[in-house]
């Protein structure tokens, strides 16, 4: 079979102690649970590999597709670098209550400790309740000793940087940066394929299964943290109508945002990479090889590297465009 059309996958829904109902009520993800915190849209994490939801490839896993189509699916340079591993994990997240404060190890530590990639990631805020916040980084330069002292006292929040947020705000979270999503936030998350997280503070929440406070990873985290304060944690960008505007370009993924008001033709013939569309507002029609596909808010679509041209059409939509 020739890869000449977009591919969609079944979402992998994750119950979380902090999860809510927005992923099922707003995005229409099907579940009878009421605390869905994450929808893994595109995943090659072991045990949670995405499965094609429709079309001739329905039922095939992402891993099977890569092994079969190689560079035609992901791009020749991507396949040469990553082989049969898909390098990006795509999620939508709904935080009804605050997430634990956490940090991710870099590639070297993650490889050494967990035989995994590190976890550089970014957030795009899709919806935020009034006064909603994120925690990103420190509000002062500190050292390991001071950090551990504040943690021991239960006062670690005093040294963390809080950001009031609204729809459209974007943050890049490199490995080593302490962070947490606050209550009342729904966002799109793009990250390296990794499920390695060190929990450093969790408001003394109790796990419903064990009846004990959730495990903290203080010893693992202390060597993974970047203790430096930075001048600005939020990503600034210019939103251009019917064009790809740069959001985050990192060594691990590149993300643009398209403000779609009409029709846009995209030429990917020189990209040599897959492209992922995440619809973060409105809805759009994707035309590929004279076939039309619907892309609704909260949905995700994988464009194979073999597809060279795409047309996007909408009266009003915002789409994240992710590639390597």
C-alpha atoms as a PDB file:
ATOM      1  CA  UNK A   1       0.000   0.000   0.000  1.00  0.00           C
ATOM      2  CA  UNK A   2       1.190   3.527  -0.836  1.00  0.00           C
ATOM      3  CA  UNK A   3       1.118   6.040   2.014  1.00  0.00           C
ATOM      4  CA  UNK A   4      -0.896   8.799   0.357  1.00  0.00           C
ATOM      5  CA  UNK A   5      -3.303   9.950   3.077  1.00  0.00           C
ATOM      6  CA  UNK A   6      -3.336  11.249   6.668  1.00  0.00           C
ATOM      7  CA  UNK A   7      -3.489   8.646   9.448  1.00  0.00           C
ATOM      8  CA  UNK A   8      -5.523   8.935  12.644  1.00  0.00           C
ATOM      9  CA  UNK A   9      -5.164   6.801  15.771  1.00  0.00           C
ATOM     10  CA  UNK A  10      -7.371   5.745  18.659  1.00  0.00           C
ATOM     11  CA  UNK A  11      -6.681   7.955  21.682  1.00  0.00           C
ATOM     12  CA  UNK A  12      -5.176   6.191  24.697  1.00  0.00           C
ATOM     13  CA  UNK A  13      -7.008   7.646  27.692  1.00  0.00           C
ATOM     14  CA  UNK A  14      -5.323   7.785  31.095  1.00  0.00           C
ATOM     15  CA  UNK A  15      -7.089   8.117  34.420  1.00  0.00           C
ATOM     16  CA  UNK A  16      -5.255  10.462  36.767  1.00  0.00           C
ATOM     17  CA  UNK A  17      -5.805  11.526  40.370  1.00  0.00           C
ATOM     18  CA  UNK A  18      -5.916  15.130  39.079  1.00  0.00           C
ATOM     19  CA  UNK A  19      -7.930  14.445  35.892  1.00  0.00           C
ATOM     20  CA  UNK A  20     -11.314  15.869  34.924  1.00  0.00           C
ATOM     21  CA  UNK A  21     -14.117  15.520  32.369  1.00  0.00           C
ATOM     22  CA  UNK A  22     -13.142  17.984  29.614  1.00  0.00           C
ATOM     23  CA  UNK A  23     -11.428  15.437  27.388  1.00  0.00           C
ATOM     24  CA  UNK A  24     -14.664  13.442  27.213  1.00  0.00           C
ATOM     25  CA  UNK A  25     -17.195  16.312  27.242  1.00  0.00           C
ATOM     26  CA  UNK A  26     -15.373  18.942  25.139  1.00  0.00           C
ATOM     27  CA  UNK A  27     -13.257  16.722  22.879  1.00  0.00           C
ATOM     28  CA  UNK A  28     -15.746  13.799  22.783  1.00  0.00           C
ATOM     29  CA  UNK A  29     -13.147  11.169  23.737  1.00  0.00           C
ATOM     30  CA  UNK A  30     -15.148   8.061  24.610  1.00  0.00           C
ATOM     31  CA  UNK A  31     -14.864   6.884  28.219  1.00  0.00           C
ATOM     32  CA  UNK A  32     -17.149   6.066  31.133  1.00  0.00           C
ATOM     33  CA  UNK A  33     -14.557   7.417  33.587  1.00  0.00           C
ATOM     34  CA  UNK A  34     -14.800  10.875  35.138  1.00  0.00           C
ATOM     35  CA  UNK A  35     -11.150  11.559  35.889  1.00  0.00           C
ATOM     36  CA  UNK A  36      -9.435  11.323  32.499  1.00  0.00           C
ATOM     37  CA  UNK A  37      -6.303  13.425  32.781  1.00  0.00           C
ATOM     38  CA  UNK A  38      -4.491  12.559  29.557  1.00  0.00           C
ATOM     39  CA  UNK A  39      -5.303  11.512  26.013  1.00  0.00           C
ATOM     40  CA  UNK A  40      -2.218  10.016  24.383  1.00  0.00           C
ATOM     41  CA  UNK A  41      -2.841  10.803  20.732  1.00  0.00           C
ATOM     42  CA  UNK A  42       0.321   9.457  19.147  1.00  0.00           C
ATOM     43  CA  UNK A  43       2.533   7.175  21.227  1.00  0.00           C
ATOM     44  CA  UNK A  44       5.338   4.681  20.766  1.00  0.00           C
ATOM     45  CA  UNK A  45       5.832   4.198  24.517  1.00  0.00           C
ATOM     46  CA  UNK A  46       6.176   0.497  25.326  1.00  0.00           C
ATOM     47  CA  UNK A  47       2.819  -0.842  26.479  1.00  0.00           C
ATOM     48  CA  UNK A  48       0.985   2.176  25.058  1.00  0.00           C
ATOM     49  CA  UNK A  49       1.615   2.061  21.316  1.00  0.00           C
ATOM     50  CA  UNK A  50      -0.986   3.865  19.193  1.00  0.00           C
ATOM     51  CA  UNK A  51      -3.321   1.885  16.913  1.00  0.00           C
ATOM     52  CA  UNK A  52      -4.731   3.188  13.609  1.00  0.00           C
ATOM     53  CA  UNK A  53      -8.411   4.104  13.976  1.00  0.00           C
ATOM     54  CA  UNK A  54      -9.716   4.003  10.386  1.00  0.00           C
ATOM     55  CA  UNK A  55      -8.967   3.369   6.724  1.00  0.00           C
ATOM     56  CA  UNK A  56      -7.051   0.538   5.084  1.00  0.00           C
ATOM     57  CA  UNK A  57      -4.469   0.523   7.893  1.00  0.00           C
ATOM     58  CA  UNK A  58      -7.048   0.245  10.701  1.00  0.00           C
ATOM     59  CA  UNK A  59      -5.804  -1.977  13.525  1.00  0.00           C
ATOM     60  CA  UNK A  60      -2.132  -1.592  12.668  1.00  0.00           C
ATOM     61  CA  UNK A  61       0.123  -0.196  15.382  1.00  0.00           C
ATOM     62  CA  UNK A  62       2.395   2.791  14.927  1.00  0.00           C
ATOM     63  CA  UNK A  63       5.358   0.448  15.466  1.00  0.00           C
ATOM     64  CA  UNK A  64       4.133  -1.876  12.705  1.00  0.00           C
ATOM     65  CA  UNK A  65       3.762   1.072  10.332  1.00  0.00           C
ATOM     66  CA  UNK A  66       7.325   2.249  10.940  1.00  0.00           C
ATOM     67  CA  UNK A  67       8.739  -1.251  10.429  1.00  0.00           C
ATOM     68  CA  UNK A  68       6.786  -1.630   7.181  1.00  0.00           C
ATOM     69  CA  UNK A  69       7.106   1.821   5.600  1.00  0.00           C
ATOM     70  CA  UNK A  70      10.285   3.167   7.229  1.00  0.00           C
ATOM     71  CA  UNK A  71      11.322   6.507   5.671  1.00  0.00           C
ATOM     72  CA  UNK A  72       8.120   6.760   3.638  1.00  0.00           C
ATOM     73  CA  UNK A  73       6.266   7.177   6.944  1.00  0.00           C
ATOM     74  CA  UNK A  74       8.688   9.142   9.125  1.00  0.00           C
ATOM     75  CA  UNK A  75      11.232  10.566   6.656  1.00  0.00           C
ATOM     76  CA  UNK A  76      14.552   9.085   5.556  1.00  0.00           C
ATOM     77  CA  UNK A  77      16.686  11.184   7.911  1.00  0.00           C
ATOM     78  CA  UNK A  78      14.328  10.467  10.832  1.00  0.00           C
ATOM     79  CA  UNK A  79      14.415   6.721  10.151  1.00  0.00           C
ATOM     80  CA  UNK A  80      18.204   6.801   9.902  1.00  0.00           C
ATOM     81  CA  UNK A  81      18.395   8.475  13.334  1.00  0.00           C
ATOM     82  CA  UNK A  82      15.653   6.649  15.254  1.00  0.00           C
ATOM     83  CA  UNK A  83      15.108   3.398  13.365  1.00  0.00           C
ATOM     84  CA  UNK A  84      11.802   1.765  14.345  1.00  0.00           C
ATOM     85  CA  UNK A  85      11.258   4.106  17.313  1.00  0.00           C
ATOM     86  CA  UNK A  86       8.892   7.062  16.894  1.00  0.00           C
ATOM     87  CA  UNK A  87      10.605  10.049  18.546  1.00  0.00           C
ATOM     88  CA  UNK A  88       7.609  12.155  19.638  1.00  0.00           C
ATOM     89  CA  UNK A  89       4.757  11.612  22.100  1.00  0.00           C
ATOM     90  CA  UNK A  90       1.611  13.715  21.585  1.00  0.00           C
ATOM     91  CA  UNK A  91      -0.948  14.355  24.346  1.00  0.00           C
ATOM     92  CA  UNK A  92      -3.912  16.454  25.389  1.00  0.00           C
ATOM     93  CA  UNK A  93      -4.066  17.086  29.134  1.00  0.00           C
ATOM     94  CA  UNK A  94      -6.955  18.155  31.381  1.00  0.00           C
ATOM     95  CA  UNK A  95      -5.971  19.160  34.922  1.00  0.00           C
ATOM     96  CA  UNK A  96      -9.006  19.499  37.197  1.00  0.00           C
ATOM     97  CA  UNK A  97      -6.694  19.821  40.199  1.00  0.00           C
ATOM     98  CA  UNK A  98      -2.950  20.636  40.214  1.00  0.00           C
ATOM     99  CA  UNK A  99      -0.452  18.086  38.975  1.00  0.00           C
ATOM    100  CA  UNK A 100       2.480  17.126  41.153  1.00  0.00           C
ATOM    101  CA  UNK A 101       5.579  19.299  40.836  1.00  0.00           C
ATOM    102  CA  UNK A 102       8.049  17.335  38.760  1.00  0.00           C
ATOM    103  CA  UNK A 103      11.185  17.322  36.663  1.00  0.00           C
ATOM    104  CA  UNK A 104      12.441  15.198  33.777  1.00  0.00           C
ATOM    105  CA  UNK A 105      16.013  13.912  33.345  1.00  0.00           C
ATOM    106  CA  UNK A 106      18.100  14.770  30.304  1.00  0.00           C
ATOM    107  CA  UNK A 107      19.003  12.242  27.611  1.00  0.00           C
ATOM    108  CA  UNK A 108      22.199  11.129  29.342  1.00  0.00           C
ATOM    109  CA  UNK A 109      20.620  10.514  32.761  1.00  0.00           C
ATOM    110  CA  UNK A 110      17.517   8.894  31.251  1.00  0.00           C
ATOM    111  CA  UNK A 111      19.635   6.561  29.143  1.00  0.00           C
ATOM    112  CA  UNK A 112      21.857   5.617  32.080  1.00  0.00           C
ATOM    113  CA  UNK A 113      19.049   5.102  34.609  1.00  0.00           C
ATOM    114  CA  UNK A 114      16.060   3.994  32.529  1.00  0.00           C
ATOM    115  CA  UNK A 115      17.362   3.134  29.036  1.00  0.00           C
ATOM    116  CA  UNK A 116      15.032   5.858  27.759  1.00  0.00           C
ATOM    117  CA  UNK A 117      15.074   9.180  25.966  1.00  0.00           C
ATOM    118  CA  UNK A 118      15.012  12.273  28.147  1.00  0.00           C
ATOM    119  CA  UNK A 119      11.831  14.303  28.164  1.00  0.00           C
ATOM    120  CA  UNK A 120      12.032  17.769  26.659  1.00  0.00           C
ATOM    121  CA  UNK A 121       8.483  19.003  26.128  1.00  0.00           C
ATOM    122  CA  UNK A 122       6.281  21.978  25.313  1.00  0.00           C
ATOM    123  CA  UNK A 123       2.807  23.122  26.312  1.00  0.00           C
ATOM    124  CA  UNK A 124       0.226  25.065  24.315  1.00  0.00           C
ATOM    125  CA  UNK A 125      -2.641  26.325  26.513  1.00  0.00           C
ATOM    126  CA  UNK A 126      -6.007  25.491  24.927  1.00  0.00           C
ATOM    127  CA  UNK A 127      -8.229  26.602  27.791  1.00  0.00           C
ATOM    128  CA  UNK A 128      -7.593  28.075  31.233  1.00  0.00           C
ATOM    129  CA  UNK A 129     -10.067  28.839  34.010  1.00  0.00           C
ATOM    130  CA  UNK A 130      -9.936  32.276  35.641  1.00  0.00           C
ATOM    131  CA  UNK A 131      -6.706  32.749  37.638  1.00  0.00           C
ATOM    132  CA  UNK A 132      -5.294  29.443  36.399  1.00  0.00           C
ATOM    133  CA  UNK A 133      -1.532  29.061  36.819  1.00  0.00           C
ATOM    134  CA  UNK A 134       1.444  26.959  35.864  1.00  0.00           C
ATOM    135  CA  UNK A 135       4.644  26.414  37.784  1.00  0.00           C
ATOM    136  CA  UNK A 136       7.692  26.769  35.550  1.00  0.00           C
ATOM    137  CA  UNK A 137      11.225  27.008  36.933  1.00  0.00           C
ATOM    138  CA  UNK A 138      12.501  28.900  39.976  1.00  0.00           C
ATOM    139  CA  UNK A 139      11.849  32.506  41.039  1.00  0.00           C
ATOM    140  CA  UNK A 140      15.450  32.892  42.261  1.00  0.00           C
ATOM    141  CA  UNK A 141      18.835  31.308  41.756  1.00  0.00           C
ATOM    142  CA  UNK A 142      19.235  28.576  44.355  1.00  0.00           C
ATOM    143  CA  UNK A 143      21.562  25.688  45.079  1.00  0.00           C
ATOM    144  CA  UNK A 144      20.981  22.037  45.852  1.00  0.00           C
ATOM    145  CA  UNK A 145      21.312  22.545  49.621  1.00  0.00           C
ATOM    146  CA  UNK A 146      18.709  25.350  49.727  1.00  0.00           C
ATOM    147  CA  UNK A 147      16.339  23.370  47.538  1.00  0.00           C
ATOM    148  CA  UNK A 148      16.536  20.286  49.768  1.00  0.00           C
ATOM    149  CA  UNK A 149      16.048  22.425  52.853  1.00  0.00           C
ATOM    150  CA  UNK A 150      12.878  24.020  51.432  1.00  0.00           C
ATOM    151  CA  UNK A 151      11.627  20.602  50.373  1.00  0.00           C
ATOM    152  CA  UNK A 152      12.237  19.170  53.841  1.00  0.00           C
ATOM    153  CA  UNK A 153      10.373  22.101  55.452  1.00  0.00           C
ATOM    154  CA  UNK A 154       7.421  21.703  53.052  1.00  0.00           C
ATOM    155  CA  UNK A 155       8.067  25.213  51.698  1.00  0.00           C
ATOM    156  CA  UNK A 156       9.317  24.385  48.210  1.00  0.00           C
ATOM    157  CA  UNK A 157       6.485  26.435  46.631  1.00  0.00           C
ATOM    158  CA  UNK A 158       8.157  29.587  47.977  1.00  0.00           C
ATOM    159  CA  UNK A 159      11.064  29.278  45.547  1.00  0.00           C
ATOM    160  CA  UNK A 160       9.088  28.223  42.452  1.00  0.00           C
ATOM    161  CA  UNK A 161       7.972  30.544  39.648  1.00  0.00           C
ATOM    162  CA  UNK A 162       4.187  30.764  39.081  1.00  0.00           C
ATOM    163  CA  UNK A 163       2.724  32.051  35.815  1.00  0.00           C
ATOM    164  CA  UNK A 164      -0.836  33.284  35.298  1.00  0.00           C
ATOM    165  CA  UNK A 165      -1.938  31.879  31.954  1.00  0.00           C
ATOM    166  CA  UNK A 166      -4.536  32.261  29.237  1.00  0.00           C
ATOM    167  CA  UNK A 167      -5.439  30.565  25.959  1.00  0.00           C
ATOM    168  CA  UNK A 168      -2.614  30.567  23.436  1.00  0.00           C
ATOM    169  CA  UNK A 169       0.227  30.828  25.964  1.00  0.00           C
ATOM    170  CA  UNK A 170       3.120  28.545  25.104  1.00  0.00           C
ATOM    171  CA  UNK A 171       5.946  27.189  27.258  1.00  0.00           C
ATOM    172  CA  UNK A 172       8.987  25.119  26.382  1.00  0.00           C
ATOM    173  CA  UNK A 173      10.007  22.826  29.247  1.00  0.00           C
ATOM    174  CA  UNK A 174      13.574  21.572  28.750  1.00  0.00           C
ATOM    175  CA  UNK A 175      14.848  18.671  30.826  1.00  0.00           C
ATOM    176  CA  UNK A 176      15.915  19.837  34.267  1.00  0.00           C
ATOM    177  CA  UNK A 177      13.246  22.534  34.565  1.00  0.00           C
ATOM    178  CA  UNK A 178      10.906  22.035  37.524  1.00  0.00           C
ATOM    179  CA  UNK A 179       7.285  22.410  36.401  1.00  0.00           C
ATOM    180  CA  UNK A 180       3.633  21.647  37.127  1.00  0.00           C
ATOM    181  CA  UNK A 181       0.268  22.223  35.469  1.00  0.00           C
ATOM    182  CA  UNK A 182      -2.190  24.002  37.752  1.00  0.00           C
ATOM    183  CA  UNK A 183      -5.905  23.405  38.270  1.00  0.00           C
ATOM    184  CA  UNK A 184      -8.374  24.342  35.548  1.00  0.00           C
ATOM    185  CA  UNK A 185      -5.983  24.007  32.602  1.00  0.00           C
ATOM    186  CA  UNK A 186      -6.420  22.107  29.353  1.00  0.00           C
ATOM    187  CA  UNK A 187      -3.408  21.970  27.047  1.00  0.00           C
ATOM    188  CA  UNK A 188      -1.645  20.259  24.175  1.00  0.00           C
ATOM    189  CA  UNK A 189       1.675  18.646  25.077  1.00  0.00           C
ATOM    190  CA  UNK A 190       4.421  17.718  22.627  1.00  0.00           C
ATOM    191  CA  UNK A 191       7.405  15.822  24.003  1.00  0.00           C
ATOM    192  CA  UNK A 192      10.120  13.321  23.349  1.00  0.00           C
ATOM    193  CA  UNK A 193       8.962   9.714  23.522  1.00  0.00           C
ATOM    194  CA  UNK A 194       9.565   9.088  27.201  1.00  0.00           C
ATOM    195  CA  UNK A 195       7.470   8.348  30.269  1.00  0.00           C
ATOM    196  CA  UNK A 196      10.219   9.144  32.793  1.00  0.00           C
ATOM    197  CA  UNK A 197       9.065  11.657  35.418  1.00  0.00           C
ATOM    198  CA  UNK A 198      10.526  12.488  38.829  1.00  0.00           C
ATOM    199  CA  UNK A 199       7.851  13.671  41.266  1.00  0.00           C
ATOM    200  CA  UNK A 200       9.312  16.128  43.782  1.00  0.00           C
ATOM    201  CA  UNK A 201       6.239  17.487  45.604  1.00  0.00           C
ATOM    202  CA  UNK A 202       2.608  16.333  45.598  1.00  0.00           C
ATOM    203  CA  UNK A 203       0.623  18.274  48.224  1.00  0.00           C
ATOM    204  CA  UNK A 204       0.601  15.137  50.429  1.00  0.00           C
ATOM    205  CA  UNK A 205      -2.004  13.490  48.184  1.00  0.00           C
ATOM    206  CA  UNK A 206      -2.963   9.906  48.962  1.00  0.00           C
ATOM    207  CA  UNK A 207      -3.088   7.176  46.327  1.00  0.00           C
ATOM    208  CA  UNK A 208      -6.604   5.680  46.231  1.00  0.00           C
ATOM    209  CA  UNK A 209      -5.251   2.157  45.679  1.00  0.00           C
ATOM    210  CA  UNK A 210      -2.555   2.018  48.368  1.00  0.00           C
ATOM    211  CA  UNK A 211      -4.010   4.488  50.866  1.00  0.00           C
ATOM    212  CA  UNK A 212      -0.523   5.996  51.200  1.00  0.00           C
ATOM    213  CA  UNK A 213       0.969   9.278  50.046  1.00  0.00           C
ATOM    214  CA  UNK A 214       2.153   9.056  46.445  1.00  0.00           C
ATOM    215  CA  UNK A 215       5.822   8.231  45.960  1.00  0.00           C
ATOM    216  CA  UNK A 216       8.307  11.072  45.620  1.00  0.00           C
ATOM    217  CA  UNK A 217      11.594  10.760  43.730  1.00  0.00           C
ATOM    218  CA  UNK A 218      13.728  13.201  45.727  1.00  0.00           C
ATOM    219  CA  UNK A 219      17.045  11.375  45.340  1.00  0.00           C
ATOM    220  CA  UNK A 220      16.643  10.849  41.595  1.00  0.00           C
ATOM    221  CA  UNK A 221      15.439  14.415  40.999  1.00  0.00           C
ATOM    222  CA  UNK A 222      18.153  16.283  42.877  1.00  0.00           C
ATOM    223  CA  UNK A 223      20.802  15.561  40.228  1.00  0.00           C
ATOM    224  CA  UNK A 224      18.390  16.197  37.343  1.00  0.00           C
ATOM    225  CA  UNK A 225      17.276  19.712  38.329  1.00  0.00           C
ATOM    226  CA  UNK A 226      18.498  22.939  36.718  1.00  0.00           C
ATOM    227  CA  UNK A 227      18.654  25.304  39.726  1.00  0.00           C
ATOM    228  CA  UNK A 228      19.150  28.495  37.698  1.00  0.00           C
ATOM    229  CA  UNK A 229      16.517  31.222  37.461  1.00  0.00           C
ATOM    230  CA  UNK A 230      15.697  32.445  33.947  1.00  0.00           C
ATOM    231  CA  UNK A 231      14.442  35.881  32.877  1.00  0.00           C
ATOM    232  CA  UNK A 232      11.457  34.633  30.918  1.00  0.00           C
ATOM    233  CA  UNK A 233       9.823  31.230  30.809  1.00  0.00           C
ATOM    234  CA  UNK A 234       6.991  31.927  28.359  1.00  0.00           C
ATOM    235  CA  UNK A 235       7.536  31.585  24.600  1.00  0.00           C
ATOM    236  CA  UNK A 236       6.770  34.726  22.601  1.00  0.00           C
ATOM    237  CA  UNK A 237       5.481  34.346  19.056  1.00  0.00           C
ATOM    238  CA  UNK A 238       3.728  36.247  16.292  1.00  0.00           C
ATOM    239  CA  UNK A 239       0.471  34.811  15.017  1.00  0.00           C
ATOM    240  CA  UNK A 240       0.191  35.197  11.219  1.00  0.00           C
ATOM    241  CA  UNK A 241      -3.051  34.453   9.404  1.00  0.00           C
ATOM    242  CA  UNK A 242      -2.940  31.509   6.987  1.00  0.00           C
ATOM    243  CA  UNK A 243       0.740  30.897   7.519  1.00  0.00           C
ATOM    244  CA  UNK A 244       2.994  28.732   9.702  1.00  0.00           C
ATOM    245  CA  UNK A 245       4.216  30.791  12.671  1.00  0.00           C
ATOM    246  CA  UNK A 246       7.160  29.429  14.644  1.00  0.00           C
ATOM    247  CA  UNK A 247       6.357  28.412  18.221  1.00  0.00           C
ATOM    248  CA  UNK A 248       9.145  26.134  19.479  1.00  0.00           C
ATOM    249  CA  UNK A 249      12.141  24.900  17.488  1.00  0.00           C
ATOM    250  CA  UNK A 250      14.238  22.535  19.592  1.00  0.00           C
ATOM    251  CA  UNK A 251      16.690  19.751  18.728  1.00  0.00           C
ATOM    252  CA  UNK A 252      13.912  17.261  19.585  1.00  0.00           C
ATOM    253  CA  UNK A 253      10.904  18.619  17.670  1.00  0.00           C
ATOM    254  CA  UNK A 254       9.747  21.714  15.814  1.00  0.00           C
ATOM    255  CA  UNK A 255       6.285  23.212  16.267  1.00  0.00           C
ATOM    256  CA  UNK A 256       4.495  25.898  14.263  1.00  0.00           C
ATOM    257  CA  UNK A 257       0.991  27.266  14.732  1.00  0.00           C
ATOM    258  CA  UNK A 258      -1.315  27.945  11.793  1.00  0.00           C
ATOM    259  CA  UNK A 259      -4.106  30.516  12.241  1.00  0.00           C
ATOM    260  CA  UNK A 260      -6.456  29.230   9.566  1.00  0.00           C
ATOM    261  CA  UNK A 261      -9.083  31.571   8.079  1.00  0.00           C
ATOM    262  CA  UNK A 262      -9.737  30.273   4.579  1.00  0.00           C
ATOM    263  CA  UNK A 263      -7.565  27.874   2.596  1.00  0.00           C
ATOM    264  CA  UNK A 264      -3.834  27.173   2.877  1.00  0.00           C
ATOM    265  CA  UNK A 265      -1.712  24.903   0.700  1.00  0.00           C
ATOM    266  CA  UNK A 266       1.274  23.237   2.378  1.00  0.00           C
ATOM    267  CA  UNK A 267       4.215  21.838   0.401  1.00  0.00           C
ATOM    268  CA  UNK A 268       6.221  19.284   2.399  1.00  0.00           C
ATOM    269  CA  UNK A 269       8.165  17.838  -0.515  1.00  0.00           C
ATOM    270  CA  UNK A 270      11.527  19.086   0.824  1.00  0.00           C
ATOM    271  CA  UNK A 271      10.888  18.420   4.519  1.00  0.00           C
ATOM    272  CA  UNK A 272      11.909  14.729   4.783  1.00  0.00           C
ATOM    273  CA  UNK A 273       9.862  14.282   7.967  1.00  0.00           C
ATOM    274  CA  UNK A 274       6.422  13.220   9.080  1.00  0.00           C
ATOM    275  CA  UNK A 275       4.100  16.077  10.071  1.00  0.00           C
ATOM    276  CA  UNK A 276       1.607  15.984  12.955  1.00  0.00           C
ATOM    277  CA  UNK A 277      -1.475  18.214  13.045  1.00  0.00           C
ATOM    278  CA  UNK A 278      -3.053  18.958  16.413  1.00  0.00           C
ATOM    279  CA  UNK A 279      -6.292  20.932  16.151  1.00  0.00           C
ATOM    280  CA  UNK A 280      -6.272  23.211  19.205  1.00  0.00           C
ATOM    281  CA  UNK A 281      -9.196  25.437  18.221  1.00  0.00           C
ATOM    282  CA  UNK A 282     -12.130  25.200  15.790  1.00  0.00           C
ATOM    283  CA  UNK A 283     -12.263  22.557  13.081  1.00  0.00           C
ATOM    284  CA  UNK A 284     -10.783  22.144   9.614  1.00  0.00           C
ATOM    285  CA  UNK A 285     -10.946  20.100   6.434  1.00  0.00           C
ATOM    286  CA  UNK A 286      -7.709  18.460   5.303  1.00  0.00           C
ATOM    287  CA  UNK A 287      -7.488  17.665   1.580  1.00  0.00           C
ATOM    288  CA  UNK A 288      -4.869  15.162   0.430  1.00  0.00           C
ATOM    289  CA  UNK A 289      -4.713  13.566  -3.050  1.00  0.00           C
ATOM    290  CA  UNK A 290      -8.272  14.765  -3.798  1.00  0.00           C
ATOM    291  CA  UNK A 291      -9.679  13.162  -0.643  1.00  0.00           C
ATOM    292  CA  UNK A 292     -11.078  15.182   2.247  1.00  0.00           C
ATOM    293  CA  UNK A 293     -10.597  14.445   5.946  1.00  0.00           C
ATOM    294  CA  UNK A 294     -12.181  16.156   8.960  1.00  0.00           C
ATOM    295  CA  UNK A 295      -9.974  17.531  11.744  1.00  0.00           C
ATOM    296  CA  UNK A 296     -11.936  18.574  14.849  1.00  0.00           C
ATOM    297  CA  UNK A 297     -10.724  20.387  17.949  1.00  0.00           C
ATOM    298  CA  UNK A 298      -8.915  17.927  20.213  1.00  0.00           C
ATOM    299  CA  UNK A 299      -8.050  15.600  17.341  1.00  0.00           C
ATOM    300  CA  UNK A 300      -4.634  14.674  15.959  1.00  0.00           C
ATOM    301  CA  UNK A 301      -3.523  13.565  12.503  1.00  0.00           C
ATOM    302  CA  UNK A 302      -0.244  12.074  11.235  1.00  0.00           C
ATOM    303  CA  UNK A 303       0.840  13.105   7.733  1.00  0.00           C
ATOM    304  CA  UNK A 304       3.322  10.551   6.321  1.00  0.00           C
ATOM    305  CA  UNK A 305       6.595  11.869   4.923  1.00  0.00           C
ATOM    306  CA  UNK A 306       5.600  10.410   1.533  1.00  0.00           C
ATOM    307  CA  UNK A 307       2.753  12.951   1.298  1.00  0.00           C
ATOM    308  CA  UNK A 308       4.138  16.065  -0.395  1.00  0.00           C
ATOM    309  CA  UNK A 309       1.171  18.460  -0.492  1.00  0.00           C
ATOM    310  CA  UNK A 310      -1.794  19.172   1.770  1.00  0.00           C
ATOM    311  CA  UNK A 311      -4.577  21.745   1.668  1.00  0.00           C
ATOM    312  CA  UNK A 312      -6.109  23.019   4.909  1.00  0.00           C
ATOM    313  CA  UNK A 313      -9.436  24.835   4.983  1.00  0.00           C
ATOM    314  CA  UNK A 314     -11.464  26.422   7.775  1.00  0.00           C
ATOM    315  CA  UNK A 315     -13.413  29.550   8.621  1.00  0.00           C
ATOM    316  CA  UNK A 316     -11.522  29.793  11.886  1.00  0.00           C
ATOM    317  CA  UNK A 317      -9.161  27.201  13.362  1.00  0.00           C
ATOM    318  CA  UNK A 318      -5.765  26.927  15.003  1.00  0.00           C
ATOM    319  CA  UNK A 319      -3.574  23.957  14.198  1.00  0.00           C
ATOM    320  CA  UNK A 320      -0.224  22.976  15.678  1.00  0.00           C
ATOM    321  CA  UNK A 321       2.134  21.700  12.984  1.00  0.00           C
ATOM    322  CA  UNK A 322       4.814  19.393  14.438  1.00  0.00           C
ATOM    323  CA  UNK A 323       7.770  17.799  12.640  1.00  0.00           C
ATOM    324  CA  UNK A 324      11.456  16.970  12.987  1.00  0.00           C
END
